[in-house]
Amino acid sequence: MVFSQIEFISGGSLDCSGGHRYSARGTAYYPANNALEGGFVDMRGHNLRTLQDYLDGKASYVSVAMDNRAGIPYGTAICIPEMNHKHGRNIVFKVVDTGSAFFGKGHSRIDICVRSQSLSYDSTINNHLTLVFP
């Protein structure tokens, strides 16, 4: 199933054809050892993978945080057309993290992992995003 999720992302158009679509409010977070950001690892103890590391070819996906009580399995791949268009290629996002800000939000809220605080102010991320699930 993991292969089919990656194929779903990489085989589709920048608009993320197919799948289930949800409207969400996007925000960004970054690896930092403080209460707000939550550390350097995801909810299962794996290192966070940033958008910039993915774009630099240093990561196979981008870590995102969502409501872990919404029935979204750990590692689920998501396609986000707004981010694909901004960067001119398909980006693989995976739900691997959560936090108290997401409890009860379902599919309506997503936090995308970026490299630093200054990059967390990205106007595309901090906006309305379309989440496409396989």
Protein backbone atom coordinates (compact mmCIF):
# COMPACT_ATOMS: atom_id res chain seq x y z
CA MET A 1 0.00 0.00 0.00
CA VAL A 2 2.88 2.41 0.64
CA PHE A 3 4.05 1.95 -2.95
CA SER A 4 0.59 2.71 -4.30
CA GLN A 5 0.47 5.91 -2.20
CA ILE A 6 3.80 7.10 -3.63
CA GLU A 7 2.67 6.13 -7.11
CA PHE A 8 -0.54 8.11 -6.46
CA ILE A 9 1.55 11.23 -5.72
CA SER A 10 4.35 10.89 -8.27
CA GLY A 11 2.20 9.53 -11.09
CA GLY A 12 -0.40 12.27 -11.00
CA SER A 13 -0.52 15.80 -12.29
CA LEU A 14 0.47 18.83 -10.24
CA ASP A 15 -3.27 19.19 -9.57
CA CYS A 16 -3.33 15.81 -7.76
CA SER A 17 -5.87 14.00 -9.87
CA GLY A 18 -8.06 11.40 -8.18
CA GLY A 19 -8.45 10.68 -4.51
CA HIS A 20 -10.51 12.28 -1.76
CA ARG A 21 -10.22 16.07 -1.47
CA TYR A 22 -10.43 18.14 1.70
CA SER A 23 -10.09 21.85 2.35
CA ALA A 24 -7.64 22.68 5.14
CA ARG A 25 -5.94 25.58 6.87
CA GLY A 26 -2.20 25.23 6.49
CA THR A 27 0.53 26.25 8.90
CA ALA A 28 4.21 25.42 9.20
CA TYR A 29 6.41 24.08 11.95
CA TYR A 30 10.12 23.38 12.18
CA PRO A 31 12.40 21.06 14.14
CA ALA A 32 13.20 22.80 17.44
CA ASN A 33 13.47 21.74 21.05
CA ASN A 34 10.73 23.88 22.55
CA ALA A 35 7.15 23.35 23.66
CA LEU A 36 5.59 25.08 20.64
CA GLU A 37 7.48 23.16 17.95
CA GLY A 38 7.70 19.83 19.77
CA GLY A 39 11.22 18.63 19.05
CA PHE A 40 13.09 16.94 16.23
CA VAL A 41 11.18 13.67 15.85
CA ASP A 42 7.69 12.65 14.77
CA MET A 43 5.11 10.86 16.89
CA ARG A 44 6.91 7.51 16.45
CA GLY A 45 10.40 8.85 17.14
CA HIS A 46 11.62 9.17 13.55
CA ASN A 47 13.52 12.30 12.48
CA LEU A 48 11.31 15.02 11.00
CA ARG A 49 11.77 15.51 7.26
CA THR A 50 11.52 19.10 6.09
CA LEU A 51 10.17 20.49 2.83
CA GLN A 52 13.58 21.96 2.06
CA ASP A 53 15.33 18.60 2.60
CA TYR A 54 12.82 17.02 0.22
CA LEU A 55 13.41 19.72 -2.40
CA ASP A 56 17.19 19.26 -1.98
CA GLY A 57 16.84 15.50 -2.56
CA LYS A 58 17.79 14.65 1.05
CA ALA A 59 14.40 13.23 2.10
CA SER A 60 11.88 10.92 0.41
CA TYR A 61 8.89 12.78 1.85
CA VAL A 62 7.89 15.83 3.90
CA SER A 63 6.62 15.34 7.47
CA VAL A 64 3.20 16.80 8.24
CA ALA A 65 1.12 16.91 11.40
CA MET A 66 -2.64 16.35 11.50
CA ASP A 67 -5.33 15.08 13.84
CA ASN A 68 -4.26 11.53 14.73
CA ARG A 69 -7.79 10.82 15.97
CA ALA A 70 -9.27 11.42 12.50
CA GLY A 71 -8.60 7.89 11.26
CA ILE A 72 -5.60 8.86 9.12
CA PRO A 73 -3.03 6.06 9.45
CA TYR A 74 0.58 6.95 10.27
CA GLY A 75 2.53 7.37 7.03
CA THR A 76 -0.45 8.19 4.81
CA ALA A 77 0.71 10.10 1.72
CA ILE A 78 -1.01 13.36 0.80
CA CYS A 79 -0.84 15.41 -2.38
CA ILE A 80 -1.20 19.21 -2.03
CA PRO A 81 -1.71 20.94 -5.42
CA GLU A 82 -0.90 24.44 -4.14
CA MET A 83 2.54 23.24 -2.99
CA ASN A 84 3.15 21.27 -6.21
CA HIS A 85 2.40 24.35 -8.31
CA LYS A 86 4.60 26.60 -6.18
CA HIS A 87 7.59 24.27 -6.56
CA GLY A 88 6.83 23.00 -10.07
CA ARG A 89 6.82 19.32 -9.17
CA ASN A 90 4.94 16.69 -7.21
CA ILE A 91 5.85 16.64 -3.52
CA VAL A 92 5.18 13.67 -1.26
CA PHE A 93 3.78 14.71 2.12
CA LYS A 94 3.20 12.06 4.80
CA VAL A 95 1.12 12.28 7.97
CA VAL A 96 3.62 11.28 10.66
CA ASP A 97 3.05 13.79 13.43
CA THR A 98 0.33 15.36 15.55
CA GLY A 99 -0.17 17.75 18.45
CA SER A 100 -2.83 19.13 20.74
CA ALA A 101 -3.65 21.93 18.24
CA PHE A 102 -5.00 19.28 15.86
CA PHE A 103 -7.30 17.31 18.19
CA GLY A 104 -10.84 17.45 16.82
CA LYS A 105 -9.79 19.19 13.59
CA GLY A 106 -10.13 16.12 11.35
CA HIS A 107 -8.94 16.88 7.83
CA SER A 108 -9.38 20.66 8.22
CA ARG A 109 -5.92 21.52 9.60
CA ILE A 110 -2.38 20.58 8.51
CA ASP A 111 1.09 21.60 9.72
CA ILE A 112 3.95 21.23 7.20
CA CYS A 113 7.51 20.72 8.44
CA VAL A 114 10.03 23.30 7.18
CA ARG A 115 13.72 23.78 7.96
CA SER A 116 13.64 26.94 10.08
CA GLN A 117 11.50 29.55 11.80
CA SER A 118 12.02 32.08 8.98
CA LEU A 119 10.78 29.51 6.42
CA SER A 120 7.68 28.87 8.55
CA TYR A 121 6.23 32.20 7.37
CA ASP A 122 5.78 30.94 3.79
CA SER A 123 2.56 32.48 2.43
CA THR A 124 1.59 29.42 0.40
CA ILE A 125 1.82 27.10 3.40
CA ASN A 126 0.04 29.53 5.75
CA ASN A 127 -3.09 29.66 3.66
CA HIS A 128 -5.96 27.55 2.37
CA LEU A 129 -4.65 24.21 1.10
CA THR A 130 -6.33 21.36 -0.74
CA LEU A 131 -5.43 17.95 0.70
CA VAL A 132 -5.81 15.01 -1.67
CA PHE A 133 -5.72 11.54 -0.12
CA PRO A 134 -5.45 8.31 -2.17
